[in-house]
Amino acid sequence: MYDKEFLKEFSQKLKAWEEQLQSELKKFPERQERFDTRSAIEVKRVYTPIDLQNVDYFDDLGLPGEYPFTRGVQRTMYRGRFWTMRQYAGFGTAEETNKRFKYLLQQGQTGLSVAFDLPTQMGYDSDHPLAQGEVGRVGVAVDSLRDIEVLFDGIPLKDVSTSMTINSTAAILLGMYAVTAQKQGAQISDLRGTIQNDVLKEYIARGTYIFPPQPSMKIITDIFEFCSKNMPKWNTISISGYHIREAGANAVQELAFTFCDGIAYVEAAVKSGLDPNVFGKQLSFFFAAHNNFLEEIAKFRAARRIWAKIMKERFKVTNPEALKLRFHTQTGGSTLTAQQPLNNIVRVALQALAAVLGGTQSLHTNSFDEALGLPTEESVQVALRTQQIIAYESGVADTVDPLAGSFAIEALTNEIEDKVWKYIEKVDSLGGMVRAIETGYVQKEIHNSAYEQQLAIENKEQIVVGVNAFQTDQETQLKSILKVDPSVEERQIAALSKLRKERDNNAVRESLKDLKQAAENGKNIVPYVFNAVSVYATLGEITDTLRDVFGEYTESTIL
C-alpha cells in the first residue's frame, strides 16, 4: 500500500522516535511490559504504515460488496438499512413467549429470535421423565405444531424474519414453522429466517446432540437440499462460533473452529450432489462479540475474508452471493456478571458497537440481568434501546466500514487471519473436523483456553470490573428478577395430553411409519417430517422414530 522510498524514509523516522521514547519510558514507564488481546496477539505500542507494507488493497481489502468482502457484504451496508435488531426470547409456554414477542415488536424490534427449552432441544416431549424440572426454563416449551401456532398467533410470518436457535431437532421445528405459515396463508417459498442447525458445535461446546455425527450430517444436508428447492429465502444453517466462544475459546479459535465446521458441512453437501454455488447462498454464521473492542472488530472483518477465500479456493465457487459471509452477532453472555449487574449495560453497549463496526447483518444485545435470571421487560427494553441508540444517534452507520485503513485494525485483521489459517491447516491434517472432534483435539484447545482465561482473572492479570477489582460491599438490588412459574410444566403436560386425545392418531402412526422407512432407506427425511408435523405428531414421537433408526451419540471422555 506504500512505495519503497516512503517506507524506507518512514523506517528511519520511526527508529529515531523509538530512541527518543526510551528516555521517556524511564521516567514514565508503561502499565505493563506486554499488552495482549484475549487471543494472545501482542498489541503493539503504535501501528504504522510499516505494519501494512505487505497489504494489497484489492486482494486484501477491496471495496464493500466485492471480493474478498473484508469491508462488508453489501455496497452500502447500513446506509441502505440497519442491521436486523433481533432480540433472543423464549420462556415458559407459547402463550407467554407470544406476549414477549409482541412486546418486542411494539418496542421497535425488526426480527424474531426464538429460544427453546432443553427438552425441545433434546427431542423430548414435556411429559418425558428426563424433561422433569426443565420445561419452559431456558426457553419456550414446544411439543407439537399446536405450540408453534400459539407462539406466532397474531404475528404474520410472511412479513417477519425469524431465527430459531435449534439444532438436533431443527428439521422438526422448521416443519412446524412452515406448516404454521401455510395455515396463515403464506407460501413457504417466501419465508425468511434461519434455523441454527449446527450439530457439530454441539459435540464441541453445548451438548444438545441426539444422533451420532454421520446421521446428523445427513439430516443437515437433507435440509440444505429441501430448502434450496422449496425455501430459497431461508438460511438453512447458522454455523455457530458463539457457543464455541462461550465455552472458553478465544477470538481466533472461535473463527477457526467455526470455519472448520463450515467446511465439513459444505463438503458433506457437495458429496451428496449439491452445488455450493446454490446452497452456499443460504449459509449463515453466528458469532459472539466480547469485550476487547479492537480485536472483535478485526475478527469480524477477517471472518468475511477467510470465508470468501475458503469458498472460492477450496470449493471453486464462482457465484459472488455464495462467497459472502453473512452473520448474526450476540453480545457475550459469559462476560455478564452477577456482581454489579448494571455494569453489564456498558459491556453490552461496547460489544454491540464492535459488532456494528465489524459489519454484522443482525444483532442481539443481552440484558443486564441475565447473570441472575431470565430478562425482565425492563431489561430487554434497555438492551434493544442500546441497539437503537447506536443506529440512530451515534453516526457510525452513516459510512461503510468506518475503521478501514486504521493501522491497528488492519494489522489485527491480518494477524487474526494468519492464526485462523494455521488452525484450519491443523484440523485438515487430523482428517477434518469430524475426526478432530472425535479425537478430542478441538475440545482440548477450548478447555485450555478457558483455563488460561480463568487463571488470568484469578491472578488479576485480567481485570473484570466489580468482580476482581473495584468491588463494593453494598450489593446492587434489582427491582425484579423474572422466574418461570412452576405451574408451567403442569399446564404444558395437560395441554399435551389433551392434544393426543383430540388428534387423528391413525394419521400420526402412518406418518411416523413413513418417516421411519424414509430414514432407513436413506431418503431425504424433511418432507416426511413435515407430514408428521402437520398431523400433530409430537416432537418427541418424531425424534424417537429417528432414534430407532440412527441411534444416539454417547460422548467419550476427554481429559
Protein backbone atom coordinates (compact mmCIF):
# COMPACT_ATOMS: atom_id res chain seq x y z
CA MET A 1 0.00 0.00 0.00
CA TYR A 2 3.05 2.26 0.30
CA ASP A 3 6.03 2.65 -2.04
CA LYS A 4 9.51 1.52 -1.02
CA GLU A 5 11.02 5.00 -0.80
CA PHE A 6 8.30 6.17 1.59
CA LEU A 7 8.68 3.06 3.77
CA LYS A 8 12.46 3.50 3.88
CA GLU A 9 12.15 7.14 4.97
CA PHE A 10 9.41 6.30 7.46
CA SER A 11 11.50 3.49 8.99
CA GLN A 12 14.25 5.98 9.75
CA LYS A 13 11.80 8.41 11.38
CA LEU A 14 10.24 5.59 13.40
CA LYS A 15 13.66 4.44 14.62
CA ALA A 16 14.51 7.97 15.77
CA TRP A 17 11.11 8.26 17.50
CA GLU A 18 11.70 4.98 19.37
CA GLU A 19 15.15 6.10 20.51
CA GLN A 20 13.69 9.30 21.96
CA LEU A 21 10.95 7.29 23.62
CA GLN A 22 13.40 5.19 25.66
CA SER A 23 14.40 8.10 27.89
CA GLU A 24 10.76 8.99 28.48
CA LEU A 25 9.94 5.40 29.45
CA LYS A 26 12.49 5.57 32.26
CA LYS A 27 10.55 8.44 33.79
CA PHE A 28 7.07 7.31 32.83
CA PRO A 29 7.02 3.51 32.45
CA GLU A 30 4.07 1.81 30.79
CA ARG A 31 1.45 0.00 32.86
CA GLN A 32 2.84 -3.43 31.97
CA GLU A 33 5.63 -5.00 29.92
CA ARG A 34 3.36 -6.53 27.30
CA PHE A 35 -0.22 -5.93 26.16
CA ASP A 36 -2.10 -8.87 24.64
CA THR A 37 -5.54 -9.49 23.23
CA ARG A 38 -7.55 -12.47 24.52
CA SER A 39 -6.12 -14.47 21.61
CA ALA A 40 -2.53 -13.85 22.79
CA ILE A 41 -1.90 -11.41 19.95
CA GLU A 42 0.55 -8.79 21.17
CA VAL A 43 -0.83 -5.28 20.89
CA LYS A 44 1.95 -3.00 19.69
CA ARG A 45 2.65 0.39 21.21
CA VAL A 46 1.85 2.07 17.92
CA TYR A 47 0.84 0.82 14.49
CA THR A 48 2.23 2.49 11.39
CA PRO A 49 2.45 2.02 7.60
CA ILE A 50 5.26 -0.48 8.27
CA ASP A 51 2.62 -2.90 9.59
CA LEU A 52 0.69 -2.68 6.32
CA GLN A 53 3.62 -2.85 3.91
CA ASN A 54 2.54 -6.27 2.59
CA VAL A 55 -1.12 -5.43 2.23
CA ASP A 56 -2.51 -5.36 -1.30
CA TYR A 57 -5.60 -3.15 -1.26
CA PHE A 58 -7.54 -5.01 -3.94
CA ASP A 59 -6.62 -8.53 -2.84
CA ASP A 60 -6.90 -7.97 0.91
CA LEU A 61 -9.49 -5.21 1.29
CA GLY A 62 -11.32 -4.33 -1.89
CA LEU A 63 -14.47 -2.27 -1.97
CA PRO A 64 -17.62 -3.03 0.03
CA GLY A 65 -19.80 -5.67 -1.60
CA GLU A 66 -16.87 -7.06 -3.62
CA TYR A 67 -14.47 -9.96 -3.07
CA PRO A 68 -12.92 -10.61 -0.56
CA PHE A 69 -15.70 -8.72 1.29
CA THR A 70 -13.39 -7.56 4.09
CA ARG A 71 -15.18 -4.22 4.04
CA GLY A 72 -18.72 -5.67 4.04
CA VAL A 73 -21.04 -7.88 2.04
CA GLN A 74 -23.19 -5.02 0.74
CA ARG A 75 -22.03 -1.98 -1.18
CA THR A 76 -23.94 0.49 1.00
CA MET A 77 -24.24 -1.56 4.23
CA TYR A 78 -26.26 0.37 6.86
CA ARG A 79 -26.81 3.40 4.60
CA GLY A 80 -29.41 1.19 2.90
CA ARG A 81 -30.98 -0.27 6.02
CA PHE A 82 -29.83 -1.01 9.54
CA TRP A 83 -28.89 -4.47 10.74
CA THR A 84 -31.83 -6.60 11.91
CA MET A 85 -32.43 -5.96 15.61
CA ARG A 86 -33.28 -9.48 16.67
CA GLN A 87 -33.68 -9.94 20.43
CA TYR A 88 -33.48 -13.56 21.58
CA ALA A 89 -36.57 -14.51 23.59
CA GLY A 90 -38.44 -17.53 24.88
CA PHE A 91 -39.60 -18.86 28.24
CA GLY A 92 -42.46 -20.78 29.77
CA THR A 93 -45.35 -21.58 27.47
CA ALA A 94 -46.03 -20.50 23.91
CA GLU A 95 -48.66 -18.03 25.19
CA GLU A 96 -46.15 -16.26 27.45
CA THR A 97 -43.47 -16.05 24.77
CA ASN A 98 -46.03 -14.81 22.23
CA LYS A 99 -46.70 -11.86 24.56
CA ARG A 100 -42.96 -11.13 24.83
CA PHE A 101 -42.59 -11.26 21.01
CA LYS A 102 -45.43 -8.77 20.57
CA TYR A 103 -43.94 -6.51 23.23
CA LEU A 104 -40.55 -6.51 21.49
CA LEU A 105 -42.10 -5.80 18.10
CA GLN A 106 -44.00 -2.88 19.64
CA GLN A 107 -40.71 -1.55 21.01
CA GLY A 108 -39.14 -1.50 17.53
CA GLN A 109 -37.53 -4.92 17.18
CA THR A 110 -37.21 -5.82 13.50
CA GLY A 111 -36.84 -9.62 13.66
CA LEU A 112 -37.79 -12.50 15.94
CA SER A 113 -35.40 -14.93 17.61
CA VAL A 114 -36.71 -17.98 19.45
CA ALA A 115 -35.13 -19.66 22.47
CA PHE A 116 -36.34 -23.22 23.12
CA ASP A 117 -36.23 -25.11 26.40
CA LEU A 118 -33.84 -28.04 26.87
CA PRO A 119 -36.41 -30.82 26.35
CA THR A 120 -37.32 -29.30 22.97
CA GLN A 121 -33.64 -29.05 22.04
CA MET A 122 -33.03 -32.67 23.09
CA GLY A 123 -36.10 -34.14 21.38
CA TYR A 124 -38.17 -34.93 24.48
CA ASP A 125 -41.84 -34.12 24.98
CA SER A 126 -42.70 -32.19 28.14
CA ASP A 127 -44.12 -35.30 29.83
CA HIS A 128 -40.93 -37.36 29.34
CA PRO A 129 -39.21 -38.25 32.66
CA LEU A 130 -35.96 -36.59 31.51
CA ALA A 131 -37.86 -33.32 30.91
CA GLN A 132 -38.92 -33.03 34.54
CA GLY A 133 -37.89 -29.69 36.04
CA GLU A 134 -36.70 -28.27 32.70
CA VAL A 135 -39.97 -27.47 30.91
CA GLY A 136 -40.02 -23.81 29.86
CA ARG A 137 -36.97 -22.96 31.94
CA VAL A 138 -34.34 -21.71 29.47
CA GLY A 139 -36.70 -21.21 26.56
CA VAL A 140 -40.20 -21.86 25.34
CA ALA A 141 -41.59 -25.40 25.55
CA VAL A 142 -42.65 -26.84 22.17
CA ASP A 143 -44.23 -30.28 21.91
CA SER A 144 -46.22 -30.03 18.69
CA LEU A 145 -47.45 -27.88 15.85
CA ARG A 146 -50.13 -26.52 18.18
CA ASP A 147 -47.48 -24.81 20.33
CA ILE A 148 -45.97 -23.10 17.30
CA GLU A 149 -49.43 -21.99 16.15
CA VAL A 150 -49.90 -20.34 19.54
CA LEU A 151 -46.35 -18.98 19.63
CA PHE A 152 -46.88 -16.99 16.43
CA ASP A 153 -50.57 -16.20 16.87
CA GLY A 154 -51.24 -12.70 15.56
CA ILE A 155 -47.76 -12.44 14.02
CA PRO A 156 -47.86 -12.73 10.20
CA LEU A 157 -44.92 -14.98 9.35
CA LYS A 158 -44.84 -13.81 5.74
CA ASP A 159 -43.84 -10.36 7.00
CA VAL A 160 -41.21 -11.15 9.64
CA SER A 161 -37.80 -12.78 9.68
CA THR A 162 -37.46 -15.44 12.38
CA SER A 163 -34.34 -17.07 13.77
CA MET A 164 -34.71 -20.33 15.70
CA THR A 165 -31.85 -21.49 17.89
CA ILE A 166 -32.41 -25.20 17.38
CA ASN A 167 -30.03 -27.89 16.24
CA SER A 168 -30.64 -31.62 16.64
CA THR A 169 -34.39 -31.15 16.19
CA ALA A 170 -34.05 -28.38 13.59
CA ALA A 171 -35.91 -30.25 10.83
CA ILE A 172 -38.91 -30.70 13.13
CA LEU A 173 -39.10 -27.05 14.19
CA LEU A 174 -38.62 -25.94 10.58
CA GLY A 175 -41.57 -28.14 9.65
CA MET A 176 -43.74 -26.71 12.43
CA TYR A 177 -42.85 -23.15 11.42
CA ALA A 178 -43.50 -23.75 7.70
CA VAL A 179 -46.83 -25.50 8.28
CA THR A 180 -47.95 -22.73 10.64
CA ALA A 181 -47.08 -20.15 7.98
CA GLN A 182 -49.07 -22.10 5.38
CA LYS A 183 -52.06 -22.14 7.72
CA GLN A 184 -51.73 -18.35 7.91
CA GLY A 185 -51.90 -18.23 4.11
CA ALA A 186 -48.20 -17.74 3.38
CA GLN A 187 -46.14 -19.55 0.75
CA ILE A 188 -43.12 -21.29 2.28
CA SER A 189 -41.04 -20.07 -0.65
CA ASP A 190 -41.48 -16.53 0.73
CA LEU A 191 -40.45 -17.27 4.32
CA ARG A 192 -37.35 -15.52 5.65
CA GLY A 193 -35.35 -16.64 8.63
CA THR A 194 -32.77 -19.05 9.97
CA ILE A 195 -32.50 -22.34 11.79
CA GLN A 196 -29.24 -22.85 13.64
CA ASN A 197 -28.98 -26.50 12.53
CA ASP A 198 -25.30 -26.64 13.55
CA VAL A 199 -24.80 -30.02 15.19
CA LEU A 200 -21.01 -30.21 15.11
CA LYS A 201 -20.64 -27.41 17.64
CA GLU A 202 -22.98 -29.36 19.94
CA TYR A 203 -20.37 -32.10 20.18
CA ILE A 204 -17.74 -29.43 20.86
CA ALA A 205 -19.38 -26.93 23.18
CA ARG A 206 -23.07 -27.26 24.11
CA GLY A 207 -24.03 -30.92 24.36
CA THR A 208 -27.59 -30.82 22.97
CA TYR A 209 -26.83 -33.54 20.45
CA ILE A 210 -29.04 -36.59 19.86
CA PHE A 211 -27.79 -38.69 16.95
CA PRO A 212 -24.21 -39.70 16.06
CA PRO A 213 -22.26 -37.35 13.74
CA GLN A 214 -22.84 -39.16 10.44
CA PRO A 215 -26.67 -39.34 10.53
CA SER A 216 -26.69 -35.81 11.95
CA MET A 217 -24.74 -34.61 8.91
CA LYS A 218 -27.18 -36.49 6.65
CA ILE A 219 -30.15 -34.64 8.20
CA ILE A 220 -28.37 -31.32 7.72
CA THR A 221 -27.73 -31.96 4.02
CA ASP A 222 -31.36 -33.11 3.67
CA ILE A 223 -32.40 -29.68 4.96
CA PHE A 224 -29.98 -27.97 2.55
CA GLU A 225 -31.50 -29.87 -0.38
CA PHE A 226 -35.12 -29.32 0.63
CA CYS A 227 -34.73 -25.60 1.28
CA SER A 228 -32.72 -24.91 -1.88
CA LYS A 229 -35.71 -26.24 -3.84
CA ASN A 230 -38.62 -25.07 -1.68
CA MET A 231 -37.50 -22.29 0.68
CA PRO A 232 -34.89 -20.26 -1.23
CA LYS A 233 -35.06 -17.24 1.11
CA TRP A 234 -34.44 -19.32 4.22
CA ASN A 235 -30.98 -19.61 5.81
CA THR A 236 -30.56 -23.35 6.21
CA ILE A 237 -27.85 -23.20 8.85
CA SER A 238 -26.32 -20.73 11.25
CA ILE A 239 -22.82 -22.08 11.76
CA SER A 240 -22.15 -21.03 15.30
CA GLY A 241 -18.97 -19.68 16.76
CA TYR A 242 -20.95 -18.07 19.56
CA HIS A 243 -21.26 -21.24 21.62
CA ILE A 244 -17.65 -22.17 20.95
CA ARG A 245 -16.64 -18.75 22.32
CA GLU A 246 -18.95 -19.09 25.30
CA ALA A 247 -17.31 -22.44 26.12
CA GLY A 248 -13.99 -20.64 26.58
CA ALA A 249 -12.45 -20.27 23.13
CA ASN A 250 -10.61 -17.08 22.24
CA ALA A 251 -11.44 -14.96 19.18
CA VAL A 252 -9.05 -16.83 16.86
CA GLN A 253 -10.35 -20.24 17.96
CA GLU A 254 -13.92 -19.01 17.56
CA LEU A 255 -13.34 -18.25 13.89
CA ALA A 256 -11.09 -21.22 13.19
CA PHE A 257 -13.31 -23.94 14.61
CA THR A 258 -16.47 -22.35 13.21
CA PHE A 259 -14.97 -22.34 9.72
CA CYS A 260 -13.78 -25.93 10.14
CA ASP A 261 -17.41 -26.83 10.96
CA GLY A 262 -18.49 -24.87 7.88
CA ILE A 263 -16.00 -26.72 5.69
CA ALA A 264 -17.35 -30.04 6.97
CA TYR A 265 -20.94 -29.05 6.14
CA VAL A 266 -20.05 -27.85 2.65
CA GLU A 267 -18.02 -31.00 1.97
CA ALA A 268 -20.93 -33.19 3.08
CA ALA A 269 -23.37 -31.25 0.91
CA VAL A 270 -21.09 -31.40 -2.14
CA LYS A 271 -20.57 -35.13 -1.59
CA SER A 272 -24.35 -35.61 -1.61
CA GLY A 273 -24.52 -33.92 -5.02
CA LEU A 274 -25.50 -30.36 -4.08
CA ASP A 275 -23.99 -27.32 -5.81
CA PRO A 276 -22.19 -24.89 -3.44
CA ASN A 277 -23.00 -22.05 -5.84
CA VAL A 278 -26.66 -22.67 -4.95
CA PHE A 279 -26.80 -23.80 -1.32
CA GLY A 280 -23.86 -21.54 -0.44
CA LYS A 281 -26.22 -18.56 -0.68
CA GLN A 282 -28.27 -19.97 2.21
CA LEU A 283 -25.42 -20.47 4.66
CA SER A 284 -25.18 -18.05 7.56
CA PHE A 285 -22.95 -17.71 10.62
CA PHE A 286 -23.36 -16.74 14.26
CA PHE A 287 -20.58 -15.06 16.23
CA ALA A 288 -20.05 -13.59 19.68
CA ALA A 289 -18.97 -10.06 20.47
CA HIS A 290 -16.79 -9.82 23.58
CA ASN A 291 -15.03 -7.01 25.39
CA ASN A 292 -11.72 -6.50 23.55
CA PHE A 293 -13.08 -3.82 21.26
CA LEU A 294 -10.38 -3.63 18.58
CA GLU A 295 -9.85 -7.40 18.40
CA GLU A 296 -13.57 -8.03 17.96
CA ILE A 297 -13.90 -5.53 15.09
CA ALA A 298 -10.85 -7.03 13.38
CA LYS A 299 -12.23 -10.54 13.94
CA PHE A 300 -15.43 -9.81 12.02
CA ARG A 301 -13.53 -8.23 9.13
CA ALA A 302 -11.09 -11.16 8.96
CA ALA A 303 -14.01 -13.61 9.06
CA ARG A 304 -15.51 -12.32 5.81
CA ARG A 305 -12.20 -12.51 4.01
CA ILE A 306 -11.39 -16.02 5.23
CA TRP A 307 -14.78 -17.50 4.31
CA ALA A 308 -14.72 -15.92 0.86
CA LYS A 309 -11.31 -17.49 0.25
CA ILE A 310 -12.48 -20.89 1.54
CA MET A 311 -15.48 -20.93 -0.80
CA LYS A 312 -13.56 -19.60 -3.80
CA GLU A 313 -10.30 -21.51 -3.48
CA ARG A 314 -11.35 -24.70 -1.77
CA PHE A 315 -14.80 -25.27 -3.27
CA LYS A 316 -14.32 -23.37 -6.57
CA VAL A 317 -17.42 -21.27 -6.01
CA THR A 318 -17.96 -18.62 -8.69
CA ASN A 319 -21.30 -17.13 -7.59
CA PRO A 320 -20.47 -13.95 -5.62
CA GLU A 321 -23.59 -14.40 -3.48
CA ALA A 322 -22.27 -17.78 -2.31
CA LEU A 323 -18.92 -16.24 -1.37
CA LYS A 324 -20.41 -13.76 1.08
CA LEU A 325 -20.26 -14.47 4.80
CA ARG A 326 -23.49 -13.26 6.38
CA PHE A 327 -23.62 -13.39 10.15
CA HIS A 328 -25.69 -12.70 13.24
CA THR A 329 -23.96 -11.46 16.38
CA GLN A 330 -24.86 -11.82 20.03
CA THR A 331 -23.11 -9.95 22.79
CA GLY A 332 -21.15 -12.19 25.16
CA GLY A 333 -23.30 -13.97 27.70
CA SER A 334 -20.24 -15.26 29.55
CA THR A 335 -18.99 -11.69 30.04
CA LEU A 336 -22.05 -10.72 32.07
CA THR A 337 -21.51 -10.54 35.82
CA ALA A 338 -23.90 -11.10 38.72
CA GLN A 339 -21.82 -8.63 40.71
CA GLN A 340 -22.80 -5.02 39.96
CA PRO A 341 -25.15 -6.13 37.16
CA LEU A 342 -25.76 -2.59 35.90
CA ASN A 343 -22.14 -2.62 34.67
CA ASN A 344 -23.35 -5.11 32.06
CA ILE A 345 -25.19 -2.31 30.25
CA VAL A 346 -21.82 -0.74 29.43
CA ARG A 347 -20.27 -4.06 28.41
CA VAL A 348 -23.18 -4.82 26.08
CA ALA A 349 -23.01 -1.35 24.51
CA LEU A 350 -19.29 -1.76 23.73
CA GLN A 351 -19.79 -5.25 22.35
CA ALA A 352 -22.75 -4.16 20.21
CA LEU A 353 -20.77 -1.23 18.82
CA ALA A 354 -17.91 -3.59 17.91
CA ALA A 355 -20.37 -5.85 16.05
CA VAL A 356 -21.77 -2.91 14.10
CA LEU A 357 -18.34 -1.53 13.26
CA GLY A 358 -17.44 -5.06 12.19
CA GLY A 359 -20.39 -5.20 9.78
CA THR A 360 -22.89 -7.64 11.31
CA GLN A 361 -26.19 -8.35 9.49
CA SER A 362 -28.25 -8.84 12.63
CA LEU A 363 -27.67 -8.36 16.33
CA HIS A 364 -28.92 -9.49 19.72
CA THR A 365 -27.94 -7.45 22.74
CA ASN A 366 -28.01 -9.28 26.07
CA SER A 367 -29.95 -7.92 29.01
CA PHE A 368 -28.06 -6.67 32.05
CA ASP A 369 -29.82 -9.05 34.46
CA GLU A 370 -29.16 -12.31 32.59
CA ALA A 371 -26.45 -13.44 35.01
CA LEU A 372 -29.18 -13.55 37.64
CA GLY A 373 -32.19 -14.93 35.75
CA LEU A 374 -34.41 -14.55 32.72
CA PRO A 375 -34.54 -10.96 31.42
CA THR A 376 -37.42 -8.75 32.52
CA GLU A 377 -39.35 -6.46 30.16
CA GLU A 378 -37.40 -3.51 31.56
CA SER A 379 -34.00 -5.10 30.90
CA VAL A 380 -34.87 -6.26 27.37
CA GLN A 381 -36.08 -2.75 26.58
CA VAL A 382 -32.71 -1.33 27.70
CA ALA A 383 -30.94 -3.95 25.56
CA LEU A 384 -33.00 -3.06 22.50
CA ARG A 385 -32.61 0.67 23.10
CA THR A 386 -28.82 0.12 23.13
CA GLN A 387 -29.01 -1.02 19.51
CA GLN A 388 -31.37 1.79 18.57
CA ILE A 389 -29.10 4.45 20.08
CA ILE A 390 -26.13 3.06 18.12
CA ALA A 391 -28.24 3.03 14.95
CA TYR A 392 -29.96 6.39 15.21
CA GLU A 393 -27.70 8.56 17.37
CA SER A 394 -24.04 7.51 17.05
CA GLY A 395 -23.44 8.17 13.35
CA VAL A 396 -21.32 5.02 12.93
CA ALA A 397 -23.86 3.57 10.49
CA ASP A 398 -23.62 6.51 8.12
CA THR A 399 -20.48 5.35 6.29
CA VAL A 400 -19.37 1.87 5.26
CA ASP A 401 -16.59 0.20 7.28
CA PRO A 402 -15.54 3.41 9.07
CA LEU A 403 -12.39 1.95 10.66
CA ALA A 404 -10.91 0.67 7.38
CA GLY A 405 -7.38 1.92 6.91
CA SER A 406 -6.69 2.15 10.64
CA PHE A 407 -3.16 0.80 11.03
CA ALA A 408 -4.19 -1.05 14.20
CA ILE A 409 -7.41 -2.54 12.80
CA GLU A 410 -5.84 -3.68 9.53
CA ALA A 411 -2.82 -5.18 11.29
CA LEU A 412 -5.02 -7.05 13.78
CA THR A 413 -7.27 -8.24 10.93
CA ASN A 414 -4.23 -9.70 9.14
CA GLU A 415 -2.81 -11.33 12.27
CA ILE A 416 -6.12 -12.94 13.20
CA GLU A 417 -6.46 -14.29 9.68
CA ASP A 418 -2.96 -15.79 9.76
CA LYS A 419 -3.62 -17.55 13.07
CA VAL A 420 -7.00 -18.88 11.87
CA TRP A 421 -5.42 -20.44 8.76
CA LYS A 422 -2.90 -22.26 10.99
CA TYR A 423 -5.74 -23.85 12.96
CA ILE A 424 -7.58 -24.83 9.76
CA GLU A 425 -4.41 -26.48 8.45
CA LYS A 426 -4.04 -28.39 11.74
CA VAL A 427 -7.63 -29.68 11.60
CA ASP A 428 -7.13 -30.69 7.96
CA SER A 429 -4.03 -32.65 8.97
CA LEU A 430 -6.11 -34.55 11.54
CA GLY A 431 -8.55 -35.67 8.86
CA GLY A 432 -11.16 -32.91 9.07
CA MET A 433 -13.45 -31.51 11.73
CA VAL A 434 -15.48 -34.63 12.49
CA ARG A 435 -12.28 -36.57 13.13
CA ALA A 436 -10.78 -33.68 15.13
CA ILE A 437 -13.87 -33.69 17.36
CA GLU A 438 -13.77 -37.47 17.76
CA THR A 439 -10.12 -37.35 18.87
CA GLY A 440 -10.86 -34.54 21.34
CA TYR A 441 -8.41 -32.07 19.78
CA VAL A 442 -10.90 -29.22 19.46
CA GLN A 443 -12.35 -29.73 22.94
CA LYS A 444 -8.86 -29.73 24.49
CA GLU A 445 -7.91 -26.49 22.76
CA ILE A 446 -11.04 -24.79 24.08
CA HIS A 447 -10.62 -26.25 27.58
CA ASN A 448 -7.04 -24.97 27.74
CA SER A 449 -8.12 -21.52 26.59
CA ALA A 450 -10.90 -21.39 29.17
CA TYR A 451 -8.48 -22.45 31.92
CA GLU A 452 -5.96 -19.77 30.94
CA GLN A 453 -8.71 -17.15 30.91
CA GLN A 454 -9.94 -18.09 34.38
CA LEU A 455 -6.38 -18.18 35.72
CA ALA A 456 -5.75 -14.69 34.35
CA ILE A 457 -8.85 -13.40 36.16
CA GLU A 458 -7.94 -15.12 39.44
CA ASN A 459 -4.39 -13.73 39.26
CA LYS A 460 -5.76 -10.28 38.36
CA GLU A 461 -3.81 -10.27 35.14
CA GLN A 462 -7.18 -9.58 33.54
CA ILE A 463 -9.41 -7.13 35.37
CA VAL A 464 -13.17 -7.70 35.47
CA VAL A 465 -14.71 -4.57 36.96
CA GLY A 466 -16.79 -5.37 40.01
CA VAL A 467 -15.53 -8.96 40.21
CA ASN A 468 -11.78 -8.95 40.93
CA ALA A 469 -11.36 -5.17 41.18
CA PHE A 470 -13.47 -2.12 42.08
CA GLN A 471 -15.67 -4.27 44.27
CA THR A 472 -18.22 -2.90 46.69
CA ASP A 473 -19.66 -4.27 49.91
CA GLN A 474 -23.10 -2.98 49.01
CA GLU A 475 -24.94 -5.26 46.59
CA THR A 476 -26.97 -3.73 43.77
CA GLN A 477 -30.62 -4.61 44.31
CA LEU A 478 -32.57 -5.09 41.10
CA LYS A 479 -36.25 -4.23 41.23
CA SER A 480 -37.30 -7.61 39.90
CA ILE A 481 -35.93 -10.87 38.57
CA LEU A 482 -38.08 -12.92 36.21
CA LYS A 483 -38.69 -16.51 37.27
CA VAL A 484 -40.69 -19.18 35.45
CA ASP A 485 -43.88 -20.19 37.26
CA PRO A 486 -43.54 -23.82 38.44
CA SER A 487 -47.08 -24.46 37.17
CA VAL A 488 -45.84 -24.03 33.58
CA GLU A 489 -44.79 -27.67 33.46
CA GLU A 490 -48.18 -28.92 34.68
CA ARG A 491 -50.06 -26.78 32.18
CA GLN A 492 -47.80 -27.83 29.29
CA ILE A 493 -48.23 -31.53 30.12
CA ALA A 494 -52.01 -31.14 30.43
CA ALA A 495 -52.18 -29.45 27.00
CA LEU A 496 -50.06 -32.24 25.51
CA SER A 497 -52.34 -34.91 26.95
CA LYS A 498 -55.36 -33.12 25.51
CA LEU A 499 -53.70 -32.92 22.07
CA ARG A 500 -53.04 -36.66 22.00
CA LYS A 501 -56.71 -37.36 22.64
CA GLU A 502 -58.05 -34.92 20.04
CA ARG A 503 -55.75 -35.56 17.07
CA ASP A 504 -56.12 -38.29 14.43
CA ASN A 505 -53.85 -40.93 15.95
CA ASN A 506 -54.13 -43.23 12.93
CA ALA A 507 -52.74 -40.45 10.75
CA VAL A 508 -49.95 -39.92 13.27
CA ARG A 509 -48.98 -43.62 13.25
CA GLU A 510 -48.93 -43.71 9.44
CA SER A 511 -46.81 -40.57 9.21
CA LEU A 512 -44.27 -41.95 11.68
CA LYS A 513 -44.17 -45.27 9.83
CA ASP A 514 -43.44 -43.44 6.56
CA LEU A 515 -40.76 -41.34 8.26
CA LYS A 516 -39.02 -44.42 9.64
CA GLN A 517 -38.97 -46.13 6.24
CA ALA A 518 -37.58 -42.98 4.60
CA ALA A 519 -34.78 -42.78 7.20
CA GLU A 520 -33.95 -46.47 6.83
CA ASN A 521 -33.79 -46.17 3.03
CA GLY A 522 -31.58 -43.07 3.02
CA LYS A 523 -34.25 -40.78 1.56
CA ASN A 524 -34.49 -37.08 2.28
CA ILE A 525 -36.46 -37.12 5.53
CA VAL A 526 -37.60 -33.47 5.54
CA PRO A 527 -40.85 -33.95 3.54
CA TYR A 528 -41.75 -36.86 5.84
CA VAL A 529 -41.05 -34.75 8.92
CA PHE A 530 -43.29 -32.00 7.52
CA ASN A 531 -46.06 -34.56 7.00
CA ALA A 532 -45.77 -35.90 10.55
CA VAL A 533 -45.78 -32.40 11.97
CA SER A 534 -48.90 -31.45 10.01
CA VAL A 535 -50.96 -34.26 11.63
CA TYR A 536 -49.73 -33.17 15.10
CA ALA A 537 -47.18 -35.88 15.73
CA THR A 538 -45.18 -34.60 18.68
CA LEU A 539 -41.55 -33.57 18.66
CA GLY A 540 -40.71 -36.48 20.95
CA GLU A 541 -42.53 -39.01 18.80
CA ILE A 542 -40.73 -37.86 15.65
CA THR A 543 -37.35 -37.82 17.40
CA ASP A 544 -37.90 -41.29 18.89
CA THR A 545 -38.71 -42.61 15.43
CA LEU A 546 -35.36 -41.32 14.19
CA ARG A 547 -33.58 -42.58 17.32
CA ASP A 548 -34.77 -46.07 16.43
CA VAL A 549 -33.02 -45.77 13.06
CA PHE A 550 -29.94 -43.67 13.81
CA GLY A 551 -29.23 -44.46 17.46
CA GLU A 552 -27.91 -41.97 20.00
CA TYR A 553 -24.48 -40.40 20.40
CA THR A 554 -22.50 -41.04 23.58
CA GLU A 555 -19.65 -38.65 24.28
CA SER A 556 -16.27 -40.13 25.03
CA THR A 557 -14.36 -38.69 27.99
CA ILE A 558 -11.83 -36.00 27.03
CA LEU A 559 -9.03 -35.41 29.55
